[in-house]
Each structure stands twice: as C-alpha cells, then as structure tokens.
N, C-alpha and C. Protein backbone atom coordinates (compact mmCIF):
# COMPACT_ATOMS: atom_id res chain seq x y z
N MET A 1 -6.35 18.48 22.96
CA MET A 1 -5.45 18.09 24.15
C MET A 1 -4.75 16.86 23.72
N GLU A 2 -3.42 16.79 23.87
CA GLU A 2 -2.61 15.70 23.65
C GLU A 2 -2.50 14.84 24.88
N THR A 3 -2.63 13.62 24.66
CA THR A 3 -2.38 12.59 25.82
C THR A 3 -1.04 11.96 25.71
N THR A 4 -0.41 12.02 26.66
CA THR A 4 0.97 11.54 26.81
C THR A 4 1.10 10.38 27.68
N THR A 5 2.28 9.74 27.67
CA THR A 5 2.57 8.77 28.66
C THR A 5 4.02 8.80 29.12
N GLY A 6 4.46 7.96 29.99
CA GLY A 6 5.80 8.03 30.39
C GLY A 6 5.90 9.26 31.43
N ASP A 7 7.30 9.55 31.88
CA ASP A 7 7.54 10.59 32.80
C ASP A 7 7.51 11.89 32.34
N ASP A 8 7.64 12.20 30.97
CA ASP A 8 7.54 13.56 30.59
C ASP A 8 6.30 13.94 29.78
N PRO A 9 5.41 14.61 30.45
CA PRO A 9 4.17 14.91 29.92
C PRO A 9 4.21 15.83 28.59
N SER A 10 5.39 16.35 28.14
CA SER A 10 5.47 17.16 26.93
C SER A 10 5.79 16.28 25.73
N ILE A 11 6.06 14.93 25.95
CA ILE A 11 6.30 14.00 24.82
C ILE A 11 4.98 13.38 24.41
N VAL A 12 4.59 13.61 23.14
CA VAL A 12 3.43 12.91 22.63
C VAL A 12 3.93 11.65 21.85
N MET A 13 3.36 10.39 22.25
CA MET A 13 3.81 9.29 21.61
C MET A 13 3.17 9.12 20.21
N LYS A 14 4.00 8.65 19.16
CA LYS A 14 3.54 8.54 17.84
C LYS A 14 3.15 7.13 17.53
N ASP A 15 3.44 6.22 18.42
CA ASP A 15 3.06 4.81 18.15
C ASP A 15 3.25 3.99 19.44
N CYS A 16 2.98 2.69 19.38
CA CYS A 16 3.15 1.82 20.58
C CYS A 16 4.53 1.67 20.87
N LEU A 17 5.51 1.65 19.88
CA LEU A 17 6.88 1.55 20.24
C LEU A 17 7.28 2.74 21.23
N ASP A 18 6.95 3.93 20.84
CA ASP A 18 7.15 5.08 21.73
C ASP A 18 6.65 4.84 23.13
N VAL A 19 5.48 4.34 23.20
CA VAL A 19 4.89 4.04 24.59
C VAL A 19 5.74 2.99 25.28
N PHE A 20 6.12 1.89 24.66
CA PHE A 20 7.02 0.96 25.18
C PHE A 20 8.31 1.56 25.71
N ASN A 21 8.95 2.29 24.68
CA ASN A 21 10.28 2.87 25.16
C ASN A 21 10.22 3.91 26.28
N ALA A 22 8.94 4.41 26.48
CA ALA A 22 8.76 5.38 27.59
C ALA A 22 8.55 4.69 28.96
N GLY A 23 8.60 3.22 28.90
CA GLY A 23 8.54 2.59 30.13
C GLY A 23 7.18 1.89 30.43
N ASP A 24 6.07 2.09 29.54
CA ASP A 24 4.85 1.50 29.77
C ASP A 24 4.87 0.12 29.04
N THR A 25 4.99 -1.01 29.83
CA THR A 25 5.17 -2.34 29.11
C THR A 25 3.99 -3.30 29.31
N THR A 26 2.86 -2.65 29.60
CA THR A 26 1.66 -3.54 29.79
C THR A 26 0.76 -3.35 28.58
N ASP A 27 0.17 -4.52 28.05
CA ASP A 27 -0.84 -4.50 27.00
C ASP A 27 -1.85 -3.58 27.43
N GLY A 28 -2.43 -2.83 26.54
CA GLY A 28 -3.61 -1.99 26.79
C GLY A 28 -3.78 -0.79 25.85
N ILE A 29 -4.78 -0.06 26.24
CA ILE A 29 -5.14 1.08 25.38
C ILE A 29 -4.38 2.28 25.76
N TYR A 30 -3.71 2.88 24.86
CA TYR A 30 -2.89 4.25 24.98
C TYR A 30 -3.33 5.10 23.88
N THR A 31 -2.95 6.37 24.08
CA THR A 31 -3.25 7.50 23.10
C THR A 31 -1.95 7.87 22.44
N ILE A 32 -2.13 7.95 21.05
CA ILE A 32 -0.90 8.34 20.17
C ILE A 32 -1.30 9.40 19.29
N LYS A 33 -0.36 9.90 18.64
CA LYS A 33 -0.64 10.82 17.54
C LYS A 33 0.56 10.64 16.50
N PRO A 34 0.34 9.90 15.29
CA PRO A 34 1.42 9.72 14.32
C PRO A 34 1.93 11.06 13.86
N THR A 35 3.07 11.06 13.48
CA THR A 35 3.80 12.34 12.99
C THR A 35 2.96 13.09 11.89
N ASN A 36 2.38 12.45 11.00
CA ASN A 36 1.74 13.17 9.86
C ASN A 36 0.19 13.26 10.10
N TRP A 37 -0.20 12.70 11.22
CA TRP A 37 -1.81 12.67 11.43
C TRP A 37 -2.25 14.13 11.65
N ASN A 38 -3.19 14.56 10.84
CA ASN A 38 -3.82 15.88 10.89
C ASN A 38 -4.85 16.14 11.90
N GLY A 39 -5.46 14.93 12.42
CA GLY A 39 -6.50 15.02 13.32
C GLY A 39 -6.06 15.05 14.77
N ASP A 40 -7.00 14.96 15.63
CA ASP A 40 -6.63 14.69 17.09
C ASP A 40 -5.81 13.48 17.38
N SER A 41 -5.16 13.41 18.57
CA SER A 41 -4.63 12.16 19.05
C SER A 41 -5.75 11.19 19.17
N PHE A 42 -5.36 9.77 18.93
CA PHE A 42 -6.44 8.75 19.11
C PHE A 42 -5.90 7.65 19.85
N ASP A 43 -6.85 6.83 20.36
CA ASP A 43 -6.50 5.58 21.28
C ASP A 43 -6.19 4.51 20.30
N VAL A 44 -5.24 3.59 20.71
CA VAL A 44 -4.92 2.46 20.03
C VAL A 44 -4.59 1.29 21.03
N PHE A 45 -4.79 0.06 20.75
CA PHE A 45 -4.43 -1.03 21.69
C PHE A 45 -2.87 -1.39 21.37
N CYS A 46 -2.10 -1.33 22.34
CA CYS A 46 -0.74 -1.68 22.20
C CYS A 46 -0.43 -3.04 22.87
N ASN A 47 0.25 -3.94 22.09
CA ASN A 47 0.62 -5.24 22.51
C ASN A 47 2.14 -5.21 22.69
N MET A 48 2.54 -5.79 23.83
CA MET A 48 3.86 -5.59 24.24
C MET A 48 4.53 -6.98 24.14
N THR A 49 4.01 -7.83 23.29
CA THR A 49 4.69 -9.15 23.08
C THR A 49 5.92 -9.11 22.24
N ASP A 50 6.80 -9.96 22.24
CA ASP A 50 7.95 -10.20 21.32
C ASP A 50 8.69 -8.88 21.30
N GLY A 51 9.14 -8.24 22.41
CA GLY A 51 9.93 -7.07 22.53
C GLY A 51 9.14 -5.89 22.70
N GLY A 52 7.80 -5.93 22.54
CA GLY A 52 6.89 -4.73 22.84
C GLY A 52 6.76 -3.78 21.69
N GLY A 53 5.84 -2.86 21.94
CA GLY A 53 5.54 -1.81 20.93
C GLY A 53 4.75 -2.10 19.80
N TRP A 54 3.93 -3.01 19.75
CA TRP A 54 3.16 -3.44 18.50
C TRP A 54 1.88 -2.66 18.62
N THR A 55 1.44 -1.84 17.55
CA THR A 55 0.26 -1.08 17.57
C THR A 55 -0.73 -2.08 16.72
N VAL A 56 -1.78 -2.46 17.51
CA VAL A 56 -2.73 -3.47 16.96
C VAL A 56 -3.72 -2.70 16.08
N PHE A 57 -3.90 -3.08 14.80
CA PHE A 57 -4.85 -2.40 13.94
C PHE A 57 -6.10 -3.36 13.57
N GLN A 58 -6.02 -4.60 13.92
CA GLN A 58 -7.22 -5.52 13.80
C GLN A 58 -7.11 -6.50 14.89
N ARG A 59 -8.39 -6.81 15.36
CA ARG A 59 -8.45 -7.88 16.37
C ARG A 59 -9.90 -8.51 16.13
N ARG A 60 -9.82 -9.85 15.98
CA ARG A 60 -11.03 -10.65 15.80
C ARG A 60 -10.98 -11.66 16.88
N VAL A 61 -12.03 -11.80 17.67
CA VAL A 61 -12.00 -12.76 18.79
C VAL A 61 -13.20 -13.70 18.70
N ASP A 62 -14.37 -13.23 18.59
CA ASP A 62 -15.56 -14.25 18.71
C ASP A 62 -16.65 -13.97 17.62
N GLY A 63 -16.32 -13.11 16.70
CA GLY A 63 -17.29 -12.91 15.58
C GLY A 63 -18.38 -11.81 15.95
N SER A 64 -18.39 -11.25 17.15
CA SER A 64 -19.40 -10.33 17.55
C SER A 64 -19.49 -9.13 16.84
N VAL A 65 -18.35 -8.72 16.06
CA VAL A 65 -18.48 -7.50 15.37
C VAL A 65 -18.52 -7.88 13.84
N ASP A 66 -19.33 -7.37 13.06
CA ASP A 66 -19.61 -7.61 11.80
C ASP A 66 -18.49 -6.89 10.90
N PHE A 67 -17.62 -7.71 10.20
CA PHE A 67 -16.45 -7.09 9.48
C PHE A 67 -16.89 -7.08 7.95
N TYR A 68 -18.18 -7.33 7.61
CA TYR A 68 -18.57 -7.11 6.26
C TYR A 68 -19.09 -5.72 6.17
N ARG A 69 -18.29 -4.82 5.84
CA ARG A 69 -18.37 -3.34 6.01
C ARG A 69 -18.21 -2.62 4.62
N ASN A 70 -18.56 -1.43 4.50
CA ASN A 70 -18.28 -0.58 3.32
C ASN A 70 -17.08 0.07 3.52
N TRP A 71 -16.63 0.83 2.35
CA TRP A 71 -15.34 1.48 2.36
C TRP A 71 -15.20 2.52 3.38
N GLN A 72 -16.15 3.32 3.56
CA GLN A 72 -16.04 4.34 4.61
C GLN A 72 -15.80 3.79 5.97
N SER A 73 -16.41 2.71 6.39
CA SER A 73 -16.09 1.97 7.57
C SER A 73 -14.71 1.60 7.73
N TYR A 74 -14.14 1.05 6.72
CA TYR A 74 -12.75 0.56 6.77
C TYR A 74 -11.75 1.83 6.81
N LYS A 75 -12.20 2.88 6.01
CA LYS A 75 -11.38 4.03 6.13
C LYS A 75 -11.30 4.74 7.46
N GLU A 76 -12.48 4.75 8.16
CA GLU A 76 -12.51 5.36 9.45
C GLU A 76 -12.18 4.48 10.71
N GLY A 77 -12.51 3.22 10.55
CA GLY A 77 -12.38 2.24 11.62
C GLY A 77 -13.74 1.98 12.34
N PHE A 78 -13.72 0.81 12.97
CA PHE A 78 -14.95 0.45 13.72
C PHE A 78 -14.64 -0.53 14.84
N GLY A 79 -15.67 -0.83 15.68
CA GLY A 79 -15.49 -1.82 16.70
C GLY A 79 -14.98 -1.11 18.01
N GLU A 80 -14.64 -1.85 18.98
CA GLU A 80 -14.08 -1.59 20.26
C GLU A 80 -12.64 -1.97 20.43
N LEU A 81 -11.72 -1.17 20.87
CA LEU A 81 -10.42 -1.54 21.01
C LEU A 81 -10.08 -2.54 22.05
N ASP A 82 -10.99 -2.73 22.99
CA ASP A 82 -10.76 -3.80 24.07
C ASP A 82 -11.53 -5.14 23.73
N HIS A 83 -11.99 -5.20 22.39
CA HIS A 83 -12.59 -6.45 21.95
C HIS A 83 -12.12 -6.55 20.40
N GLU A 84 -13.30 -6.59 19.59
CA GLU A 84 -12.91 -6.68 18.06
C GLU A 84 -13.08 -5.41 17.50
N PHE A 85 -12.08 -5.11 16.51
CA PHE A 85 -12.07 -3.89 15.87
C PHE A 85 -11.13 -3.80 14.70
N TRP A 86 -11.33 -2.84 13.88
CA TRP A 86 -10.53 -2.30 12.71
C TRP A 86 -10.02 -0.88 13.01
N LEU A 87 -8.87 -0.57 13.15
CA LEU A 87 -8.32 0.71 13.57
C LEU A 87 -8.74 1.77 12.46
N GLY A 88 -8.69 1.40 11.31
CA GLY A 88 -9.04 2.45 10.20
C GLY A 88 -7.90 2.70 9.26
N ASN A 89 -8.22 2.58 8.06
CA ASN A 89 -7.12 2.66 6.99
C ASN A 89 -6.48 4.03 6.88
N ASP A 90 -6.99 5.06 7.33
CA ASP A 90 -6.45 6.31 7.33
C ASP A 90 -5.31 6.36 8.43
N LYS A 91 -5.65 5.78 9.47
CA LYS A 91 -4.77 5.81 10.63
C LYS A 91 -3.57 4.81 10.35
N LEU A 92 -4.02 3.64 9.81
CA LEU A 92 -3.04 2.68 9.41
C LEU A 92 -1.92 3.27 8.38
N TYR A 93 -2.36 4.03 7.45
CA TYR A 93 -1.57 4.67 6.46
C TYR A 93 -0.53 5.60 7.16
N ASP A 94 -1.06 6.59 8.06
CA ASP A 94 -0.15 7.44 8.79
C ASP A 94 0.78 6.76 9.65
N LEU A 95 0.38 5.73 10.30
CA LEU A 95 1.33 4.97 11.15
C LEU A 95 2.34 4.40 10.32
N THR A 96 2.09 3.68 9.16
CA THR A 96 3.11 2.95 8.46
C THR A 96 4.01 3.77 7.54
N ASN A 97 3.49 5.06 7.32
CA ASN A 97 4.40 5.94 6.57
C ASN A 97 5.18 6.98 7.37
N GLN A 98 5.32 6.81 8.76
CA GLN A 98 6.12 7.74 9.48
C GLN A 98 7.45 7.13 9.83
N GLY A 99 7.74 5.97 9.33
CA GLY A 99 9.02 5.17 9.53
C GLY A 99 8.95 3.85 9.08
N ASP A 100 10.01 3.05 9.48
CA ASP A 100 9.97 1.58 8.94
C ASP A 100 9.34 0.88 10.13
N TYR A 101 8.31 0.02 9.62
CA TYR A 101 7.47 -0.87 10.66
C TYR A 101 7.55 -2.30 10.19
N GLN A 102 7.42 -3.05 11.18
CA GLN A 102 7.17 -4.51 11.01
C GLN A 102 5.79 -4.85 11.24
N LEU A 103 5.38 -6.06 10.71
CA LEU A 103 3.95 -6.55 10.81
C LEU A 103 4.11 -7.89 11.50
N ARG A 104 3.30 -8.07 12.55
CA ARG A 104 3.19 -9.36 13.19
C ARG A 104 1.75 -9.66 13.19
N ILE A 105 1.41 -10.96 12.82
CA ILE A 105 0.04 -11.51 12.74
C ILE A 105 0.10 -12.69 13.71
N ASP A 106 -0.79 -12.44 14.88
CA ASP A 106 -1.04 -13.56 15.78
C ASP A 106 -2.22 -14.25 15.59
N MET A 107 -2.33 -15.52 15.58
CA MET A 107 -3.44 -16.42 15.23
C MET A 107 -3.62 -17.63 16.32
N VAL A 108 -4.69 -18.20 16.36
CA VAL A 108 -4.90 -19.40 17.10
C VAL A 108 -5.59 -20.37 16.20
N ASN A 109 -5.10 -21.61 16.28
CA ASN A 109 -5.81 -22.58 15.41
C ASN A 109 -7.08 -23.14 15.98
N LYS A 110 -7.74 -24.09 15.30
CA LYS A 110 -8.93 -24.56 15.93
C LYS A 110 -8.80 -25.40 17.23
N ASP A 111 -7.62 -25.81 17.39
CA ASP A 111 -7.31 -26.56 18.67
C ASP A 111 -6.90 -25.58 19.79
N GLY A 112 -6.65 -24.33 19.44
CA GLY A 112 -6.23 -23.40 20.49
C GLY A 112 -4.68 -23.14 20.58
N ALA A 113 -3.98 -23.72 19.70
CA ALA A 113 -2.65 -23.61 19.56
C ALA A 113 -2.29 -22.25 18.99
N PRO A 114 -1.39 -21.39 19.59
CA PRO A 114 -1.08 -20.19 19.04
C PRO A 114 0.04 -20.28 17.97
N TYR A 115 0.07 -19.32 16.95
CA TYR A 115 1.08 -19.20 16.01
C TYR A 115 1.13 -17.78 15.54
N TYR A 116 2.35 -17.53 14.84
CA TYR A 116 2.39 -16.07 14.37
C TYR A 116 3.18 -16.10 13.13
N ALA A 117 3.08 -14.93 12.28
CA ALA A 117 3.89 -14.63 11.25
C ALA A 117 4.32 -13.25 11.51
N LYS A 118 5.64 -12.97 11.13
CA LYS A 118 6.20 -11.72 11.20
C LYS A 118 6.88 -11.36 9.89
N PHE A 119 6.75 -10.06 9.51
CA PHE A 119 7.35 -9.60 8.36
C PHE A 119 8.24 -8.34 8.87
N ASP A 120 9.52 -8.27 8.28
CA ASP A 120 10.35 -7.29 8.76
C ASP A 120 10.14 -5.85 8.34
N PHE A 121 9.17 -5.69 7.37
CA PHE A 121 8.75 -4.51 6.84
C PHE A 121 7.33 -4.47 6.40
N PHE A 122 6.59 -3.39 6.62
CA PHE A 122 5.20 -3.29 6.34
C PHE A 122 4.78 -1.76 6.06
N ARG A 123 4.14 -1.53 4.99
CA ARG A 123 3.71 -0.20 4.65
C ARG A 123 2.45 -0.25 3.65
N ILE A 124 1.56 0.56 3.83
CA ILE A 124 0.44 0.74 2.87
C ILE A 124 0.42 2.21 2.29
N ASN A 125 -0.16 2.23 1.12
CA ASN A 125 -0.40 3.59 0.40
C ASN A 125 -1.64 4.15 0.90
N ASP A 126 -1.98 5.43 0.47
CA ASP A 126 -3.09 6.13 0.86
C ASP A 126 -4.28 5.76 0.16
N GLU A 127 -5.26 6.65 0.41
CA GLU A 127 -6.62 6.32 -0.19
C GLU A 127 -6.62 6.47 -1.71
N SER A 128 -5.90 7.35 -2.30
CA SER A 128 -5.86 7.57 -3.66
C SER A 128 -5.27 6.37 -4.37
N ASP A 129 -4.52 5.54 -3.66
CA ASP A 129 -4.18 4.23 -4.24
C ASP A 129 -4.80 3.10 -3.57
N ASN A 130 -6.00 3.33 -3.01
CA ASN A 130 -6.95 2.30 -2.52
C ASN A 130 -6.19 1.56 -1.34
N TYR A 131 -5.35 2.16 -0.58
CA TYR A 131 -4.67 1.71 0.61
C TYR A 131 -3.95 0.30 0.28
N ARG A 132 -3.33 0.34 -0.96
CA ARG A 132 -2.73 -0.77 -1.43
C ARG A 132 -1.50 -1.11 -0.53
N LEU A 133 -1.16 -2.41 -0.39
CA LEU A 133 0.05 -2.87 0.35
C LEU A 133 1.24 -2.31 -0.56
N SER A 134 2.10 -1.55 -0.10
CA SER A 134 3.20 -1.01 -0.76
C SER A 134 4.51 -1.66 -0.40
N GLY A 135 4.50 -2.34 0.67
CA GLY A 135 5.85 -2.92 1.13
C GLY A 135 5.53 -4.12 2.22
N LEU A 136 6.11 -5.11 1.95
CA LEU A 136 6.04 -6.35 2.87
C LEU A 136 7.28 -6.94 2.87
N GLY A 137 8.01 -7.19 3.90
CA GLY A 137 9.51 -7.62 3.94
C GLY A 137 9.45 -9.12 4.09
N THR A 138 10.64 -9.57 4.73
CA THR A 138 10.88 -10.93 4.92
C THR A 138 10.16 -11.50 5.91
N TYR A 139 9.64 -12.74 5.77
CA TYR A 139 8.79 -13.46 6.68
C TYR A 139 9.73 -14.26 7.70
N SER A 140 9.18 -14.38 8.86
CA SER A 140 9.65 -15.21 9.90
C SER A 140 8.45 -15.62 10.80
N GLY A 141 8.62 -16.73 11.61
CA GLY A 141 7.43 -17.08 12.38
C GLY A 141 7.17 -18.60 12.48
N THR A 142 6.03 -18.92 13.15
CA THR A 142 5.65 -20.29 13.23
C THR A 142 4.39 -20.66 12.41
N ALA A 143 3.85 -19.65 11.71
CA ALA A 143 2.50 -19.92 11.09
C ALA A 143 2.73 -20.66 9.67
N GLY A 144 3.80 -20.33 9.03
CA GLY A 144 4.02 -20.84 7.59
C GLY A 144 3.18 -19.95 6.70
N LEU A 145 3.64 -19.60 5.60
CA LEU A 145 2.98 -18.71 4.72
C LEU A 145 1.71 -19.28 4.04
N SER A 146 1.49 -20.55 4.17
CA SER A 146 0.22 -21.09 3.69
C SER A 146 -0.93 -20.84 4.45
N LYS A 147 -0.64 -20.48 5.83
CA LYS A 147 -1.77 -20.26 6.74
C LYS A 147 -2.27 -18.73 6.62
N LEU A 148 -1.61 -17.91 5.84
CA LEU A 148 -1.95 -16.55 5.73
C LEU A 148 -2.86 -16.20 4.62
C-alpha cells in the first residue's frame, strides 16, 4: 500500500520536497517512496525550515540512542523518527540519487545558540562503494566549516 499526501491520493511522494510542494508545510513524519526504491514506501521526518522539503536522515538530541553501531545497523537505519535516529544508508543512497539534492546540517552549540551549514549539492554512492560521499557542493551558512 502506498501512502500519499496532498489533495491527489494517486500521487506518491518521493521525498519531503514533494510533500512540501503538495501543501503539507508542517514538520513531521510523512511516508515517501524514492523513485528507485525497490521496497515498500517508508516513513521519514520532514523539516520545513528554510523553504521546506528537507528529508531528515539523522537526528541526535540527548544521547539516548547509541550511535556506536555495526555496518548492518547503519545500512538499515535505527532509532525513532520522532526522536534520535539514523534513516539508513540504503534509503539515503536512493534519496540522493534520484535527483539533485542539497544538504543542510542544523546544530546547537553548548550555549544553546543555533547555527547551520548548507551545501548546494549532496550525493552518496551505494554499498558496493561503501556509501562513499560522491558529491558535496558549495557551502553557505552560519556554522563555518571548522565546526563540521
């Protein structure tokens, strides 16, 4: 069963930008199916900051989820979308290889001040290449590259 959003139930969302463009502009959990994904549709957390449509693939909040994991855990993903999680390398590969994507990293410093880094292009390779970063575009933001 495909889960959809927006006014037309025949449209399957491939990412959070599709969700945003369909009129859902609230941060939250939505169901998508990337173009090349061979499995069932899956849930993601969509962040509608900075123009909307950001598909969140990692969130760390309070250290309650152990991120010291094996290869298989990172391949498949772990944690809870409404708290701390890693989406999964296979899903991230299919997401970043269905079009041109940007990367936004939101952080908070020890004093609670927010900052971010944004790259105008982002893509990873598949498991046969160890999910190697294959593209990272031009930086902008408030974080400064030394904080990444």
